[in-house]
PDB file of N, CA and C in Angstrom:
ATOM      1  N   MET A   1     124.246 191.459 202.101  1.00  0.00           N
ATOM      2  CA  MET A   1     122.292 192.463 202.827  1.00  0.00           C
ATOM      3  C   MET A   1     122.986 191.444 204.590  1.00  0.00           C
ATOM      4  N   GLU A   2     122.194 191.501 204.973  1.00  0.00           N
ATOM      5  CA  GLU A   2     121.511 191.190 206.507  1.00  0.00           C
ATOM      6  C   GLU A   2     120.287 190.275 206.361  1.00  0.00           C
ATOM      7  N   LYS A   3     120.060 190.064 207.633  1.00  0.00           N
ATOM      8  CA  LYS A   3     118.372 190.287 207.015  1.00  0.00           C
ATOM      9  C   LYS A   3     117.992 190.912 209.175  1.00  0.00           C
ATOM     10  N   THR A   4     116.509 191.237 208.505  1.00  0.00           N
ATOM     11  CA  THR A   4     116.315 192.325 209.584  1.00  0.00           C
ATOM     12  C   THR A   4     114.968 191.914 210.098  1.00  0.00           C
ATOM     13  N   ALA A   5     114.424 191.959 211.125  1.00  0.00           N
ATOM     14  CA  ALA A   5     112.006 191.828 211.420  1.00  0.00           C
ATOM     15  C   ALA A   5     111.968 193.264 211.453  1.00  0.00           C
ATOM     16  N   LYS A   6     110.646 193.572 210.575  1.00  0.00           N
ATOM     17  CA  LYS A   6     110.349 194.964 211.277  1.00  0.00           C
ATOM     18  C   LYS A   6     108.850 194.109 211.594  1.00  0.00           C
ATOM     19  N   HIS A   7     108.447 195.572 212.994  1.00  0.00           N
ATOM     20  CA  HIS A   7     106.583 195.040 212.831  1.00  0.00           C
ATOM     21  C   HIS A   7     106.138 196.356 212.833  1.00  0.00           C
ATOM     22  N   ILE A   8     104.678 195.745 211.771  1.00  0.00           N
ATOM     23  CA  ILE A   8     103.766 195.809 211.158  1.00  0.00           C
ATOM     24  C   ILE A   8     102.762 196.615 211.058  1.00  0.00           C
ATOM     25  N   ILE A   9     102.187 197.813 211.959  1.00  0.00           N
ATOM     26  CA  ILE A   9     100.195 197.590 212.122  1.00  0.00           C
ATOM     27  C   ILE A   9      99.735 198.501 210.975  1.00  0.00           C
ATOM     28  N   PHE A  10      98.776 197.277 211.261  1.00  0.00           N
ATOM     29  CA  PHE A  10      97.800 198.111 209.372  1.00  0.00           C
ATOM     30  C   PHE A  10      96.492 198.722 210.098  1.00  0.00           C
ATOM     31  N   ILE A  11      96.386 199.668 209.940  1.00  0.00           N
ATOM     32  CA  ILE A  11      95.125 199.877 210.516  1.00  0.00           C
ATOM     33  C   ILE A  11      93.391 200.729 209.491  1.00  0.00           C
ATOM     34  N   GLY A  12      92.834 200.309 209.797  1.00  0.00           N
ATOM     35  CA  GLY A  12      91.721 201.123 209.146  1.00  0.00           C
ATOM     36  C   GLY A  12      90.662 200.039 208.732  1.00  0.00           C
ATOM     37  N   ARG A  13      90.144 199.654 207.746  1.00  0.00           N
ATOM     38  CA  ARG A  13      88.773 198.522 207.783  1.00  0.00           C
ATOM     39  C   ARG A  13      90.034 197.697 207.065  1.00  0.00           C
ATOM     40  N   VAL A  14      90.361 197.186 208.382  1.00  0.00           N
ATOM     41  CA  VAL A  14      91.736 195.821 207.240  1.00  0.00           C
ATOM     42  C   VAL A  14      90.744 194.349 208.057  1.00  0.00           C
ATOM     43  N   GLN A  15      89.960 194.319 209.081  1.00  0.00           N
ATOM     44  CA  GLN A  15      89.884 192.614 209.467  1.00  0.00           C
ATOM     45  C   GLN A  15      88.674 192.221 209.031  1.00  0.00           C
ATOM     46  N   GLY A  16      88.405 191.232 207.995  1.00  0.00           N
ATOM     47  CA  GLY A  16      87.253 190.534 207.830  1.00  0.00           C
ATOM     48  C   GLY A  16      87.353 190.676 205.790  1.00  0.00           C
ATOM     49  N   ILE A  17      88.299 190.850 205.299  1.00  0.00           N
ATOM     50  CA  ILE A  17      87.550 191.403 204.379  1.00  0.00           C
ATOM     51  C   ILE A  17      89.005 190.214 203.606  1.00  0.00           C
ATOM     52  N   GLY A  18      90.140 189.274 203.734  1.00  0.00           N
ATOM     53  CA  GLY A  18      91.076 188.575 202.899  1.00  0.00           C
ATOM     54  C   GLY A  18      91.857 189.226 203.323  1.00  0.00           C
ATOM     55  N   PHE A  19      92.447 190.123 204.065  1.00  0.00           N
ATOM     56  CA  PHE A  19      94.175 190.908 204.812  1.00  0.00           C
ATOM     57  C   PHE A  19      94.888 189.354 204.988  1.00  0.00           C
ATOM     58  N   ARG A  20      94.441 188.834 205.992  1.00  0.00           N
ATOM     59  CA  ARG A  20      95.189 188.396 206.554  1.00  0.00           C
ATOM     60  C   ARG A  20      95.979 187.063 205.641  1.00  0.00           C
ATOM     61  N   PHE A  21      94.305 186.412 204.553  1.00  0.00           N
ATOM     62  CA  PHE A  21      95.556 185.547 203.434  1.00  0.00           C
ATOM     63  C   PHE A  21      95.711 186.094 202.728  1.00  0.00           C
ATOM     64  N   THR A  22      96.065 187.351 202.152  1.00  0.00           N
ATOM     65  CA  THR A  22      96.104 187.959 201.277  1.00  0.00           C
ATOM     66  C   THR A  22      97.297 188.446 201.235  1.00  0.00           C
ATOM     67  N   ALA A  23      98.257 189.032 203.116  1.00  0.00           N
ATOM     68  CA  ALA A  23      99.116 188.968 203.257  1.00  0.00           C
ATOM     69  C   ALA A  23     100.022 187.763 203.824  1.00  0.00           C
ATOM     70  N   LEU A  24      99.647 187.149 204.235  1.00  0.00           N
ATOM     71  CA  LEU A  24     100.256 185.142 203.626  1.00  0.00           C
ATOM     72  C   LEU A  24     100.432 184.680 202.841  1.00  0.00           C
ATOM     73  N   ASN A  25      99.816 185.424 201.685  1.00  0.00           N
ATOM     74  CA  ASN A  25     100.191 184.301 200.644  1.00  0.00           C
ATOM     75  C   ASN A  25     101.481 185.036 199.554  1.00  0.00           C
ATOM     76  N   ILE A  26     101.577 186.987 199.820  1.00  0.00           N
ATOM     77  CA  ILE A  26     102.803 187.901 199.219  1.00  0.00           C
ATOM     78  C   ILE A  26     103.464 188.181 200.346  1.00  0.00           C
ATOM     79  N   ALA A  27     103.523 187.026 201.660  1.00  0.00           N
ATOM     80  CA  ALA A  27     104.681 187.106 202.415  1.00  0.00           C
ATOM     81  C   ALA A  27     105.156 185.748 202.222  1.00  0.00           C
ATOM     82  N   ASN A  28     104.578 184.862 201.638  1.00  0.00           N
ATOM     83  CA  ASN A  28     105.469 183.677 201.279  1.00  0.00           C
ATOM     84  C   ASN A  28     106.273 184.217 199.874  1.00  0.00           C
ATOM     85  N   ARG A  29     105.611 184.744 199.205  1.00  0.00           N
ATOM     86  CA  ARG A  29     106.122 185.065 197.402  1.00  0.00           C
ATOM     87  C   ARG A  29     107.231 186.390 197.622  1.00  0.00           C
ATOM     88  N   CYS A  30     107.118 186.490 199.837  1.00  0.00           N
ATOM     89  CA  CYS A  30     108.856 187.729 198.972  1.00  0.00           C
ATOM     90  C   CYS A  30     109.922 186.593 200.307  1.00  0.00           C
ATOM     91  N   GLN A  31     109.117 185.521 200.735  1.00  0.00           N
ATOM     92  CA  GLN A  31     109.975 184.338 201.145  1.00  0.00           C
ATOM     93  C   GLN A  31     110.455 185.562 202.723  1.00  0.00           C
ATOM     94  N   LEU A  32     109.826 185.448 203.682  1.00  0.00           N
ATOM     95  CA  LEU A  32     109.891 185.520 204.718  1.00  0.00           C
ATOM     96  C   LEU A  32     108.963 185.182 205.667  1.00  0.00           C
ATOM     97  N   THR A  33     109.504 184.793 206.283  1.00  0.00           N
ATOM     98  CA  THR A  33     109.310 184.507 207.833  1.00  0.00           C
ATOM     99  C   THR A  33     108.544 184.831 209.079  1.00  0.00           C
ATOM    100  N   GLY A  34     107.198 184.890 209.948  1.00  0.00           N
ATOM    101  CA  GLY A  34     106.467 185.620 210.755  1.00  0.00           C
ATOM    102  C   GLY A  34     105.458 185.503 210.932  1.00  0.00           C
ATOM    103  N   LEU A  35     104.755 186.271 211.204  1.00  0.00           N
ATOM    104  CA  LEU A  35     103.210 186.114 211.533  1.00  0.00           C
ATOM    105  C   LEU A  35     102.415 187.761 210.938  1.00  0.00           C
ATOM    106  N   VAL A  36     100.751 187.243 210.944  1.00  0.00           N
ATOM    107  CA  VAL A  36      99.864 188.306 210.747  1.00  0.00           C
ATOM    108  C   VAL A  36      98.588 187.812 211.961  1.00  0.00           C
ATOM    109  N   ARG A  37      97.676 188.230 212.529  1.00  0.00           N
ATOM    110  CA  ARG A  37      96.676 188.722 213.378  1.00  0.00           C
ATOM    111  C   ARG A  37      95.642 189.397 213.778  1.00  0.00           C
ATOM    112  N   ASN A  38      95.324 189.038 213.544  1.00  0.00           N
ATOM    113  CA  ASN A  38      94.318 190.434 213.690  1.00  0.00           C
ATOM    114  C   ASN A  38      94.310 190.808 215.520  1.00  0.00           C
ATOM    115  N   LEU A  39      93.644 192.325 215.020  1.00  0.00           N
ATOM    116  CA  LEU A  39      93.882 192.510 216.720  1.00  0.00           C
ATOM    117  C   LEU A  39      92.688 192.957 217.806  1.00  0.00           C
ATOM    118  N   SER A  40      92.205 193.669 218.980  1.00  0.00           N
ATOM    119  CA  SER A  40      91.147 193.675 219.614  1.00  0.00           C
ATOM    120  C   SER A  40      90.990 195.015 219.302  1.00  0.00           C
ATOM    121  N   ASP A  41      91.773 195.835 219.138  1.00  0.00           N
ATOM    122  CA  ASP A  41      91.468 197.249 218.226  1.00  0.00           C
ATOM    123  C   ASP A  41      90.869 197.311 216.542  1.00  0.00           C
ATOM    124  N   GLY A  42      90.573 196.330 216.453  1.00  0.00           N
ATOM    125  CA  GLY A  42      90.253 196.629 214.277  1.00  0.00           C
ATOM    126  C   GLY A  42      91.489 195.964 214.150  1.00  0.00           C
ATOM    127  N   SER A  43      92.761 196.629 214.248  1.00  0.00           N
ATOM    128  CA  SER A  43      94.410 196.779 213.494  1.00  0.00           C
ATOM    129  C   SER A  43      94.442 195.134 213.004  1.00  0.00           C
ATOM    130  N   VAL A  44      95.394 194.895 212.591  1.00  0.00           N
ATOM    131  CA  VAL A  44      96.016 194.052 211.650  1.00  0.00           C
ATOM    132  C   VAL A  44      97.851 193.754 212.226  1.00  0.00           C
ATOM    133  N   GLU A  45      98.180 192.890 212.863  1.00  0.00           N
ATOM    134  CA  GLU A  45     100.330 193.371 213.586  1.00  0.00           C
ATOM    135  C   GLU A  45     100.295 192.074 212.519  1.00  0.00           C
ATOM    136  N   MET A  46     101.463 193.080 211.875  1.00  0.00           N
ATOM    137  CA  MET A  46     102.750 191.591 211.020  1.00  0.00           C
ATOM    138  C   MET A  46     104.069 191.527 211.582  1.00  0.00           C
ATOM    139  N   ILE A  47     104.261 190.686 211.547  1.00  0.00           N
ATOM    140  CA  ILE A  47     105.859 189.987 211.829  1.00  0.00           C
ATOM    141  C   ILE A  47     106.626 189.899 210.689  1.00  0.00           C
ATOM    142  N   ALA A  48     107.410 191.140 210.107  1.00  0.00           N
ATOM    143  CA  ALA A  48     108.291 189.916 208.631  1.00  0.00           C
ATOM    144  C   ALA A  48     109.520 190.013 209.523  1.00  0.00           C
ATOM    145  N   ASN A  49     110.652 189.283 209.029  1.00  0.00           N
ATOM    146  CA  ASN A  49     111.469 188.593 208.692  1.00  0.00           C
ATOM    147  C   ASN A  49     112.224 188.586 207.222  1.00  0.00           C
ATOM    148  N   GLY A  50     113.379 189.034 206.915  1.00  0.00           N
ATOM    149  CA  GLY A  50     114.164 188.768 206.187  1.00  0.00           C
ATOM    150  C   GLY A  50     115.394 189.782 205.521  1.00  0.00           C
ATOM    151  N   TYR A  51     115.125 189.519 205.002  1.00  0.00           N
ATOM    152  CA  TYR A  51     116.142 191.521 203.654  1.00  0.00           C
ATOM    153  C   TYR A  51     115.166 191.819 203.223  1.00  0.00           C
ATOM    154  N   PRO A  52     115.798 193.154 204.021  1.00  0.00           N
ATOM    155  CA  PRO A  52     115.275 194.606 203.961  1.00  0.00           C
ATOM    156  C   PRO A  52     114.313 194.829 202.745  1.00  0.00           C
ATOM    157  N   ASP A  53     115.097 194.302 201.484  1.00  0.00           N
ATOM    158  CA  ASP A  53     114.370 195.402 200.032  1.00  0.00           C
ATOM    159  C   ASP A  53     112.649 193.821 200.402  1.00  0.00           C
ATOM    160  N   ASP A  54     113.368 192.640 200.346  1.00  0.00           N
ATOM    161  CA  ASP A  54     111.858 192.393 200.484  1.00  0.00           C
ATOM    162  C   ASP A  54     110.800 192.608 201.571  1.00  0.00           C
ATOM    163  N   ILE A  55     110.870 192.848 202.763  1.00  0.00           N
ATOM    164  CA  ILE A  55     110.096 193.500 203.116  1.00  0.00           C
ATOM    165  C   ILE A  55     108.985 194.376 202.700  1.00  0.00           C
ATOM    166  N   ASP A  56     110.181 195.276 201.874  1.00  0.00           N
ATOM    167  CA  ASP A  56     109.002 196.613 201.609  1.00  0.00           C
ATOM    168  C   ASP A  56     108.715 196.319 200.811  1.00  0.00           C
ATOM    169  N   ASP A  57     109.198 194.991 199.362  1.00  0.00           N
ATOM    170  CA  ASP A  57     108.391 195.382 198.873  1.00  0.00           C
ATOM    171  C   ASP A  57     107.465 194.187 199.087  1.00  0.00           C
ATOM    172  N   CYS A  58     106.851 193.619 200.750  1.00  0.00           N
ATOM    173  CA  CYS A  58     105.394 192.775 200.918  1.00  0.00           C
ATOM    174  C   CYS A  58     104.588 193.819 201.360  1.00  0.00           C
ATOM    175  N   VAL A  59     105.527 195.448 201.966  1.00  0.00           N
ATOM    176  CA  VAL A  59     104.010 195.903 202.473  1.00  0.00           C
ATOM    177  C   VAL A  59     103.522 196.851 201.974  1.00  0.00           C
ATOM    178  N   ARG A  60     104.955 196.760 200.426  1.00  0.00           N
ATOM    179  CA  ARG A  60     104.052 197.401 199.546  1.00  0.00           C
ATOM    180  C   ARG A  60     103.111 196.754 199.105  1.00  0.00           C
ATOM    181  N   ASP A  61     102.844 195.649 198.119  1.00  0.00           N
ATOM    182  CA  ASP A  61     102.483 194.943 197.806  1.00  0.00           C
ATOM    183  C   ASP A  61     101.396 194.971 198.253  1.00  0.00           C
ATOM    184  N   ILE A  62     101.115 195.046 199.317  1.00  0.00           N
ATOM    185  CA  ILE A  62     100.096 194.614 200.797  1.00  0.00           C
ATOM    186  C   ILE A  62      98.915 195.380 200.579  1.00  0.00           C
ATOM    187  N   LYS A  63     100.187 197.076 200.269  1.00  0.00           N
ATOM    188  CA  LYS A  63      99.126 198.367 200.702  1.00  0.00           C
ATOM    189  C   LYS A  63      98.311 198.961 199.751  1.00  0.00           C
ATOM    190  N   GLU A  64      99.357 197.771 198.306  1.00  0.00           N
ATOM    191  CA  GLU A  64      98.564 198.282 197.065  1.00  0.00           C
ATOM    192  C   GLU A  64      97.077 197.174 197.037  1.00  0.00           C
ATOM    193  N   SER A  65      97.092 196.382 197.385  1.00  0.00           N
ATOM    194  CA  SER A  65      96.473 195.184 197.877  1.00  0.00           C
ATOM    195  C   SER A  65      94.766 195.959 198.297  1.00  0.00           C
ATOM    196  N   PHE A  66      95.036 196.635 199.484  1.00  0.00           N
ATOM    197  CA  PHE A  66      94.616 197.500 200.079  1.00  0.00           C
ATOM    198  C   PHE A  66      94.361 198.611 200.222  1.00  0.00           C
ATOM    199  N   ALA A  67      94.397 199.018 199.058  1.00  0.00           N
ATOM    200  CA  ALA A  67      94.874 200.834 198.835  1.00  0.00           C
ATOM    201  C   ALA A  67      93.305 201.722 199.785  1.00  0.00           C
ATOM    202  N   GLY A  68      92.405 201.373 199.291  1.00  0.00           N
ATOM    203  CA  GLY A  68      90.409 201.484 200.067  1.00  0.00           C
ATOM    204  C   GLY A  68      91.062 201.039 201.098  1.00  0.00           C
ATOM    205  N   TYR A  69      91.380 200.216 201.789  1.00  0.00           N
ATOM    206  CA  TYR A  69      91.097 199.454 202.566  1.00  0.00           C
ATOM    207  C   TYR A  69      92.294 200.267 204.429  1.00  0.00           C
ATOM    208  N   ILE A  70      93.347 200.752 204.596  1.00  0.00           N
ATOM    209  CA  ILE A  70      94.459 200.799 205.658  1.00  0.00           C
ATOM    210  C   ILE A  70      93.821 202.366 204.942  1.00  0.00           C
ATOM    211  N   ARG A  71      94.283 202.837 206.604  1.00  0.00           N
ATOM    212  CA  ARG A  71      94.013 203.919 206.968  1.00  0.00           C
ATOM    213  C   ARG A  71      95.940 204.355 207.507  1.00  0.00           C
ATOM    214  N   GLU A  72      96.038 203.858 208.475  1.00  0.00           N
ATOM    215  CA  GLU A  72      98.189 204.373 208.489  1.00  0.00           C
ATOM    216  C   GLU A  72      98.243 202.870 208.947  1.00  0.00           C
ATOM    217  N   THR A  73      99.595 203.341 208.326  1.00  0.00           N
ATOM    218  CA  THR A  73     100.953 201.995 208.075  1.00  0.00           C
ATOM    219  C   THR A  73     101.497 202.723 208.810  1.00  0.00           C
ATOM    220  N   ARG A  74     101.541 202.000 210.028  1.00  0.00           N
ATOM    221  CA  ARG A  74     103.088 201.849 211.031  1.00  0.00           C
ATOM    222  C   ARG A  74     103.909 200.645 211.734  1.00  0.00           C
ATOM    223  N   ILE A  75     105.542 201.219 211.327  1.00  0.00           N
ATOM    224  CA  ILE A  75     106.455 200.172 210.904  1.00  0.00           C
ATOM    225  C   ILE A  75     107.639 200.589 212.231  1.00  0.00           C
ATOM    226  N   GLU A  76     107.724 199.997 212.748  1.00  0.00           N
ATOM    227  CA  GLU A  76     108.845 199.527 213.678  1.00  0.00           C
ATOM    228  C   GLU A  76     110.245 198.291 213.315  1.00  0.00           C
ATOM    229  N   GLU A  77     111.189 199.071 213.278  1.00  0.00           N
ATOM    230  CA  GLU A  77     112.367 198.293 212.974  1.00  0.00           C
ATOM    231  C   GLU A  77     112.447 197.286 214.174  1.00  0.00           C
ATOM    232  N   ILE A  78     112.810 195.689 214.511  1.00  0.00           N
ATOM    233  CA  ILE A  78     112.582 195.216 215.662  1.00  0.00           C
ATOM    234  C   ILE A  78     114.064 194.051 215.373  1.00  0.00           C
ATOM    235  N   THR A  79     114.788 193.488 216.465  1.00  0.00           N
ATOM    236  CA  THR A  79     115.481 192.156 216.522  1.00  0.00           C
ATOM    237  C   THR A  79     114.677 191.375 215.375  1.00  0.00           C
ATOM    238  N   PRO A  80     115.261 190.771 214.033  1.00  0.00           N
ATOM    239  CA  PRO A  80     114.722 189.282 214.030  1.00  0.00           C
ATOM    240  C   PRO A  80     114.728 187.907 215.048  1.00  0.00           C
ATOM    241  N   LYS A  81     113.617 187.636 214.385  1.00  0.00           N
ATOM    242  CA  LYS A  81     112.476 186.842 214.701  1.00  0.00           C
ATOM    243  C   LYS A  81     113.358 184.581 214.880  1.00  0.00           C
ATOM    244  N   THR A  82     114.800 185.098 215.657  1.00  0.00           N
ATOM    245  CA  THR A  82     114.930 183.292 214.777  1.00  0.00           C
ATOM    246  C   THR A  82     113.743 182.326 214.663  1.00  0.00           C
ATOM    247  N   GLU A  83     112.889 182.535 215.997  1.00  0.00           N
ATOM    248  CA  GLU A  83     111.280 181.493 215.941  1.00  0.00           C
ATOM    249  C   GLU A  83     110.865 181.068 215.120  1.00  0.00           C
ATOM    250  N   TYR A  84     110.991 182.189 214.785  1.00  0.00           N
ATOM    251  CA  TYR A  84     109.595 181.983 213.490  1.00  0.00           C
ATOM    252  C   TYR A  84     110.419 180.928 211.932  1.00  0.00           C
ATOM    253  N   LYS A  85     109.700 179.912 211.434  1.00  0.00           N
ATOM    254  CA  LYS A  85     110.547 178.954 210.515  1.00  0.00           C
ATOM    255  C   LYS A  85     109.975 179.738 209.027  1.00  0.00           C
ATOM    256  N   ASP A  86     108.676 179.822 208.678  1.00  0.00           N
ATOM    257  CA  ASP A  86     107.595 180.166 207.624  1.00  0.00           C
ATOM    258  C   ASP A  86     107.068 181.421 208.311  1.00  0.00           C
ATOM    259  N   PHE A  87     106.238 181.796 207.196  1.00  0.00           N
ATOM    260  CA  PHE A  87     105.097 183.168 207.260  1.00  0.00           C
ATOM    261  C   PHE A  87     103.162 182.619 207.359  1.00  0.00           C
ATOM    262  N   LYS A  88     103.558 182.661 209.167  1.00  0.00           N
ATOM    263  CA  LYS A  88     101.630 181.800 209.675  1.00  0.00           C
ATOM    264  C   LYS A  88     101.010 182.839 209.993  1.00  0.00           C
ATOM    265  N   ILE A  89      99.371 182.634 209.545  1.00  0.00           N
ATOM    266  CA  ILE A  89      98.249 183.454 210.234  1.00  0.00           C
ATOM    267  C   ILE A  89      98.495 183.133 211.832  1.00  0.00           C
ATOM    268  N   THR A  90      98.120 183.145 212.498  1.00  0.00           N
ATOM    269  CA  THR A  90      98.027 183.770 213.535  1.00  0.00           C
ATOM    270  C   THR A  90      96.589 184.448 214.721  1.00  0.00           C
ATOM    271  N   PHE A  91      95.980 183.400 215.306  1.00  0.00           N
ATOM    272  CA  PHE A  91      94.768 184.278 215.969  1.00  0.00           C
ATOM    273  C   PHE A  91      94.829 184.279 217.626  1.00  0.00           C
TER     274      PHE A  91
END
């Protein structure tokens, strides 16, 4: 199976609730590389690189963890980013 990447935007009340730290832990558990960061419009952006099933599991687990907070999730397939060697929170 080939690795892929997804650009994900989580919309809702997703800042100030430990979202990025939880996303970091879930992404590491799913063995993904990439980043998660707050955006100025109040949403959270995530770039996830890895195997498709692992990315899907990560997104599902984040959605389950923050079910009452996420109003919308936008997911777009992108070209895998080779510059990411691990998963981190950026500011």
